[in-house]
């Protein structure tokens, strides 16, 4: 591309700066999201326990209509055990 034309060079530079600022904004947003996910993961590993309010005999949170103890209790307990081992 011939950028000897000063008007064309100015337009190209402006477009380049806009694209770079969009890329930086996207990068910053992803970095914030990753940092938040890490904080949540670290908190879960530090406090691996069944969330309060989840009663064994209540309906399961997945919406299957089954009792929690017959649906996801075992799976959640295994997840908690794995987190304790990793922590």
C-alpha atoms as a PDB file:
ATOM      1  CA  UNK A   1       0.000   0.000   0.000  1.00  0.00           C
ATOM      2  CA  UNK A   2       1.339   3.399  -0.920  1.00  0.00           C
ATOM      3  CA  UNK A   3       1.371   5.620   2.185  1.00  0.00           C
ATOM      4  CA  UNK A   4       3.180   8.546   0.579  1.00  0.00           C
ATOM      5  CA  UNK A   5      -0.163  10.346   0.484  1.00  0.00           C
ATOM      6  CA  UNK A   6      -0.400  12.140   3.870  1.00  0.00           C
ATOM      7  CA  UNK A   7      -4.202  11.897   4.052  1.00  0.00           C
ATOM      8  CA  UNK A   8      -4.108   8.157   3.359  1.00  0.00           C
ATOM      9  CA  UNK A   9      -1.329   7.686   5.886  1.00  0.00           C
ATOM     10  CA  UNK A  10      -3.371   9.538   8.512  1.00  0.00           C
ATOM     11  CA  UNK A  11      -6.448   7.372   7.855  1.00  0.00           C
ATOM     12  CA  UNK A  12      -4.381   4.192   8.015  1.00  0.00           C
ATOM     13  CA  UNK A  13      -2.734   5.288  11.284  1.00  0.00           C
ATOM     14  CA  UNK A  14      -6.117   6.191  12.822  1.00  0.00           C
ATOM     15  CA  UNK A  15      -7.611   2.830  11.836  1.00  0.00           C
ATOM     16  CA  UNK A  16      -4.562   1.006  13.167  1.00  0.00           C
ATOM     17  CA  UNK A  17      -4.863   2.811  16.516  1.00  0.00           C
ATOM     18  CA  UNK A  18      -8.576   1.985  16.765  1.00  0.00           C
ATOM     19  CA  UNK A  19      -7.922  -1.690  16.093  1.00  0.00           C
ATOM     20  CA  UNK A  20      -5.089  -1.781  18.629  1.00  0.00           C
ATOM     21  CA  UNK A  21      -7.266  -0.160  21.290  1.00  0.00           C
ATOM     22  CA  UNK A  22     -10.015  -2.739  20.651  1.00  0.00           C
ATOM     23  CA  UNK A  23      -7.475  -5.553  20.959  1.00  0.00           C
ATOM     24  CA  UNK A  24      -6.125  -4.103  24.230  1.00  0.00           C
ATOM     25  CA  UNK A  25      -9.643  -3.765  25.628  1.00  0.00           C
ATOM     26  CA  UNK A  26     -10.442  -7.381  24.726  1.00  0.00           C
ATOM     27  CA  UNK A  27      -7.170  -8.560  26.254  1.00  0.00           C
ATOM     28  CA  UNK A  28      -7.833  -6.633  29.476  1.00  0.00           C
ATOM     29  CA  UNK A  29     -11.369  -8.035  29.705  1.00  0.00           C
ATOM     30  CA  UNK A  30     -10.105 -11.588  29.265  1.00  0.00           C
ATOM     31  CA  UNK A  31      -7.340 -11.040  31.816  1.00  0.00           C
ATOM     32  CA  UNK A  32      -9.865  -9.764  34.384  1.00  0.00           C
ATOM     33  CA  UNK A  33     -12.143 -12.731  33.699  1.00  0.00           C
ATOM     34  CA  UNK A  34      -9.249 -15.188  34.094  1.00  0.00           C
ATOM     35  CA  UNK A  35      -8.122 -13.535  37.340  1.00  0.00           C
ATOM     36  CA  UNK A  36     -11.649 -13.737  38.750  1.00  0.00           C
ATOM     37  CA  UNK A  37     -11.962 -17.398  37.748  1.00  0.00           C
ATOM     38  CA  UNK A  38      -8.651 -18.143  39.478  1.00  0.00           C
ATOM     39  CA  UNK A  39      -9.812 -16.410  42.674  1.00  0.00           C
ATOM     40  CA  UNK A  40     -13.024 -18.446  42.625  1.00  0.00           C
ATOM     41  CA  UNK A  41     -11.109 -21.696  42.008  1.00  0.00           C
ATOM     42  CA  UNK A  42      -8.661 -20.939  44.804  1.00  0.00           C
ATOM     43  CA  UNK A  43     -11.511 -20.120  47.178  1.00  0.00           C
ATOM     44  CA  UNK A  44     -13.302 -23.370  46.333  1.00  0.00           C
ATOM     45  CA  UNK A  45     -10.105 -25.360  46.846  1.00  0.00           C
ATOM     46  CA  UNK A  46      -9.468 -23.655  50.162  1.00  0.00           C
ATOM     47  CA  UNK A  47     -13.047 -24.266  51.356  1.00  0.00           C
ATOM     48  CA  UNK A  48     -14.210 -27.520  49.745  1.00  0.00           C
ATOM     49  CA  UNK A  49     -17.576 -28.172  51.283  1.00  0.00           C
ATOM     50  CA  UNK A  50     -21.126 -28.664  50.201  1.00  0.00           C
ATOM     51  CA  UNK A  51     -22.779 -25.279  49.723  1.00  0.00           C
ATOM     52  CA  UNK A  52     -25.073 -24.235  52.550  1.00  0.00           C
ATOM     53  CA  UNK A  53     -28.740 -24.764  51.954  1.00  0.00           C
ATOM     54  CA  UNK A  54     -28.294 -27.945  49.937  1.00  0.00           C
ATOM     55  CA  UNK A  55     -30.295 -30.492  51.867  1.00  0.00           C
ATOM     56  CA  UNK A  56     -29.842 -34.160  51.005  1.00  0.00           C
ATOM     57  CA  UNK A  57     -33.608 -34.679  50.865  1.00  0.00           C
ATOM     58  CA  UNK A  58     -34.406 -31.531  48.894  1.00  0.00           C
ATOM     59  CA  UNK A  59     -34.922 -31.576  45.147  1.00  0.00           C
ATOM     60  CA  UNK A  60     -31.700 -31.606  43.166  1.00  0.00           C
ATOM     61  CA  UNK A  61     -30.381 -28.312  41.829  1.00  0.00           C
ATOM     62  CA  UNK A  62     -30.129 -29.707  38.293  1.00  0.00           C
ATOM     63  CA  UNK A  63     -33.897 -29.705  37.883  1.00  0.00           C
ATOM     64  CA  UNK A  64     -34.297 -33.445  37.309  1.00  0.00           C
ATOM     65  CA  UNK A  65     -37.025 -33.717  39.935  1.00  0.00           C
ATOM     66  CA  UNK A  66     -35.037 -36.306  41.908  1.00  0.00           C
ATOM     67  CA  UNK A  67     -33.842 -35.873  45.456  1.00  0.00           C
ATOM     68  CA  UNK A  68     -30.349 -34.433  45.728  1.00  0.00           C
ATOM     69  CA  UNK A  69     -29.054 -37.510  47.564  1.00  0.00           C
ATOM     70  CA  UNK A  70     -30.132 -39.748  44.663  1.00  0.00           C
ATOM     71  CA  UNK A  71     -29.026 -37.443  41.877  1.00  0.00           C
ATOM     72  CA  UNK A  72     -25.847 -35.375  42.366  1.00  0.00           C
ATOM     73  CA  UNK A  73     -24.738 -35.990  45.960  1.00  0.00           C
ATOM     74  CA  UNK A  74     -22.156 -38.662  45.084  1.00  0.00           C
ATOM     75  CA  UNK A  75     -20.786 -36.654  42.191  1.00  0.00           C
ATOM     76  CA  UNK A  76     -20.446 -33.543  44.365  1.00  0.00           C
ATOM     77  CA  UNK A  77     -18.763 -35.533  47.136  1.00  0.00           C
ATOM     78  CA  UNK A  78     -16.225 -36.927  44.656  1.00  0.00           C
ATOM     79  CA  UNK A  79     -15.523 -33.418  43.384  1.00  0.00           C
ATOM     80  CA  UNK A  80     -14.978 -32.211  46.951  1.00  0.00           C
ATOM     81  CA  UNK A  81     -12.598 -35.100  47.658  1.00  0.00           C
ATOM     82  CA  UNK A  82     -10.606 -34.357  44.492  1.00  0.00           C
ATOM     83  CA  UNK A  83     -10.346 -30.681  45.466  1.00  0.00           C
ATOM     84  CA  UNK A  84      -9.092 -31.611  48.932  1.00  0.00           C
ATOM     85  CA  UNK A  85      -6.379 -33.792  47.406  1.00  0.00           C
ATOM     86  CA  UNK A  86      -5.286 -31.008  44.998  1.00  0.00           C
ATOM     87  CA  UNK A  87      -5.242 -28.334  47.710  1.00  0.00           C
END
